[in-house]
């Protein structure tokens, strides 16, 4: 952060982080978030269908 000259408040929320980080950093983070959401949705729908 010192090297880039950015303050801490720039990284306060997820939206601000994605605006300032380069694509090569943002894309893997988005993929990881999607990999987490899919099993949660699957098991939620599966549990609802089993009832």
N, C-alpha and C. Protein backbone atom coordinates (compact mmCIF):
# COMPACT_ATOMS: atom_id res chain seq x y z
N UNK A 1 0.81 -1.18 0.00
CA UNK A 1 0.00 0.00 0.00
C UNK A 1 0.86 1.25 0.00
N UNK A 2 1.95 1.17 0.69
CA UNK A 2 2.86 2.32 0.69
C UNK A 2 3.42 2.56 -0.72
N UNK A 3 3.76 1.48 -1.36
CA UNK A 3 4.34 1.58 -2.70
C UNK A 3 3.36 2.20 -3.68
N UNK A 4 2.08 1.82 -3.55
CA UNK A 4 1.05 2.36 -4.44
C UNK A 4 0.57 3.74 -3.99
N UNK A 5 0.89 4.13 -2.75
CA UNK A 5 0.47 5.42 -2.25
C UNK A 5 -1.00 5.47 -1.87
N UNK A 6 -1.56 4.33 -1.45
CA UNK A 6 -2.98 4.25 -1.11
C UNK A 6 -3.16 4.16 0.40
N UNK A 7 -4.24 4.74 0.89
CA UNK A 7 -4.54 4.69 2.31
C UNK A 7 -5.37 3.47 2.66
N UNK A 8 -5.57 3.26 3.94
CA UNK A 8 -6.32 2.10 4.44
C UNK A 8 -7.80 2.22 4.11
N UNK A 9 -8.35 3.42 4.11
CA UNK A 9 -9.78 3.60 3.89
C UNK A 9 -10.22 3.18 2.48
N UNK A 10 -9.30 3.12 1.56
CA UNK A 10 -9.64 2.69 0.21
C UNK A 10 -10.09 1.23 0.21
N UNK A 11 -9.58 0.45 1.15
CA UNK A 11 -9.91 -0.97 1.21
C UNK A 11 -10.93 -1.30 2.29
N UNK A 12 -11.79 -0.33 2.65
CA UNK A 12 -12.74 -0.52 3.75
C UNK A 12 -13.88 -1.47 3.39
N UNK A 13 -14.34 -1.47 2.16
CA UNK A 13 -15.45 -2.34 1.76
C UNK A 13 -15.05 -3.15 0.52
N UNK A 14 -15.81 -4.20 0.27
CA UNK A 14 -15.53 -5.07 -0.88
C UNK A 14 -15.63 -4.33 -2.20
N UNK A 15 -16.59 -3.43 -2.32
CA UNK A 15 -16.74 -2.67 -3.57
C UNK A 15 -15.53 -1.79 -3.84
N UNK A 16 -15.02 -1.17 -2.81
CA UNK A 16 -13.84 -0.32 -2.97
C UNK A 16 -12.60 -1.14 -3.30
N UNK A 17 -12.52 -2.32 -2.73
CA UNK A 17 -11.38 -3.19 -3.01
C UNK A 17 -11.35 -3.57 -4.49
N UNK A 18 -12.49 -3.99 -5.02
CA UNK A 18 -12.53 -4.43 -6.42
C UNK A 18 -12.25 -3.29 -7.39
N UNK A 19 -12.55 -2.05 -6.99
CA UNK A 19 -12.25 -0.91 -7.85
C UNK A 19 -10.75 -0.67 -7.97
N UNK A 20 -10.01 -0.93 -6.91
CA UNK A 20 -8.60 -0.54 -6.88
C UNK A 20 -7.61 -1.67 -7.15
N UNK A 21 -8.03 -2.91 -7.02
CA UNK A 21 -7.12 -4.02 -7.27
C UNK A 21 -7.10 -4.36 -8.76
N UNK A 22 -5.99 -4.79 -9.28
CA UNK A 22 -5.92 -5.16 -10.69
C UNK A 22 -6.74 -6.43 -10.98
N UNK A 23 -7.09 -6.62 -12.24
CA UNK A 23 -7.91 -7.76 -12.67
C UNK A 23 -7.28 -9.10 -12.31
N UNK A 24 -5.97 -9.20 -12.38
CA UNK A 24 -5.30 -10.47 -12.09
C UNK A 24 -5.47 -10.87 -10.63
N UNK A 25 -5.83 -9.94 -9.78
CA UNK A 25 -6.10 -10.23 -8.38
C UNK A 25 -7.60 -10.41 -8.15
N UNK A 26 -8.42 -9.61 -8.81
CA UNK A 26 -9.87 -9.66 -8.62
C UNK A 26 -10.51 -10.94 -9.13
N UNK A 27 -10.10 -11.41 -10.28
CA UNK A 27 -10.74 -12.59 -10.87
C UNK A 27 -10.63 -13.84 -10.01
N UNK A 28 -9.46 -14.19 -9.49
CA UNK A 28 -9.40 -15.37 -8.61
C UNK A 28 -10.25 -15.20 -7.35
N UNK A 29 -10.35 -14.01 -6.82
CA UNK A 29 -11.18 -13.78 -5.64
C UNK A 29 -12.64 -13.98 -5.97
N UNK A 30 -13.07 -13.55 -7.13
CA UNK A 30 -14.46 -13.75 -7.54
C UNK A 30 -14.74 -15.22 -7.77
N UNK A 31 -13.80 -15.93 -8.35
CA UNK A 31 -13.99 -17.36 -8.58
C UNK A 31 -14.11 -18.11 -7.26
N UNK A 32 -13.31 -17.76 -6.28
CA UNK A 32 -13.38 -18.41 -4.99
C UNK A 32 -14.72 -18.15 -4.33
N UNK A 33 -15.21 -16.93 -4.43
CA UNK A 33 -16.50 -16.58 -3.86
C UNK A 33 -17.61 -17.40 -4.53
N UNK A 34 -17.54 -17.57 -5.84
CA UNK A 34 -18.54 -18.37 -6.56
C UNK A 34 -18.45 -19.84 -6.19
N UNK A 35 -17.25 -20.35 -5.98
CA UNK A 35 -17.11 -21.75 -5.57
C UNK A 35 -17.68 -22.00 -4.19
N UNK A 36 -17.70 -21.00 -3.35
CA UNK A 36 -18.29 -21.13 -2.03
C UNK A 36 -19.81 -21.09 -2.11
N UNK A 37 -20.36 -20.23 -2.97
CA UNK A 37 -21.80 -20.04 -3.03
C UNK A 37 -22.52 -21.25 -3.64
N UNK A 38 -21.95 -21.89 -4.61
CA UNK A 38 -22.64 -22.98 -5.29
C UNK A 38 -22.98 -24.15 -4.37
N UNK A 39 -22.07 -24.68 -3.57
CA UNK A 39 -22.46 -25.77 -2.67
C UNK A 39 -23.51 -25.35 -1.64
N UNK A 40 -23.44 -24.12 -1.17
CA UNK A 40 -24.43 -23.64 -0.21
C UNK A 40 -25.81 -23.63 -0.85
N UNK A 41 -25.90 -23.14 -2.07
CA UNK A 41 -27.18 -23.13 -2.76
C UNK A 41 -27.67 -24.55 -3.04
N UNK A 42 -26.76 -25.42 -3.47
CA UNK A 42 -27.14 -26.80 -3.78
C UNK A 42 -27.72 -27.50 -2.55
N UNK A 43 -27.01 -27.44 -1.44
CA UNK A 43 -27.49 -28.13 -0.24
C UNK A 43 -28.74 -27.47 0.33
N UNK A 44 -28.89 -26.18 0.17
CA UNK A 44 -30.11 -25.51 0.59
C UNK A 44 -31.32 -25.97 -0.21
N UNK A 45 -31.15 -26.03 -1.53
CA UNK A 45 -32.25 -26.49 -2.39
C UNK A 45 -32.52 -27.98 -2.17
N UNK A 46 -31.49 -28.76 -1.98
CA UNK A 46 -31.65 -30.19 -1.74
C UNK A 46 -32.39 -30.43 -0.43
N UNK A 47 -32.05 -29.68 0.60
CA UNK A 47 -32.74 -29.83 1.89
C UNK A 47 -34.20 -29.41 1.79
N UNK A 48 -34.47 -28.35 1.04
CA UNK A 48 -35.85 -27.90 0.87
C UNK A 48 -36.67 -28.92 0.07
N UNK A 49 -36.05 -29.55 -0.91
CA UNK A 49 -36.77 -30.54 -1.72
C UNK A 49 -37.02 -31.82 -0.93
N UNK A 50 -36.13 -32.12 0.01
CA UNK A 50 -36.29 -33.35 0.80
C UNK A 50 -37.44 -33.25 1.79
N UNK A 51 -37.81 -32.02 2.15
CA UNK A 51 -38.92 -31.85 3.09
C UNK A 51 -40.18 -32.04 2.36
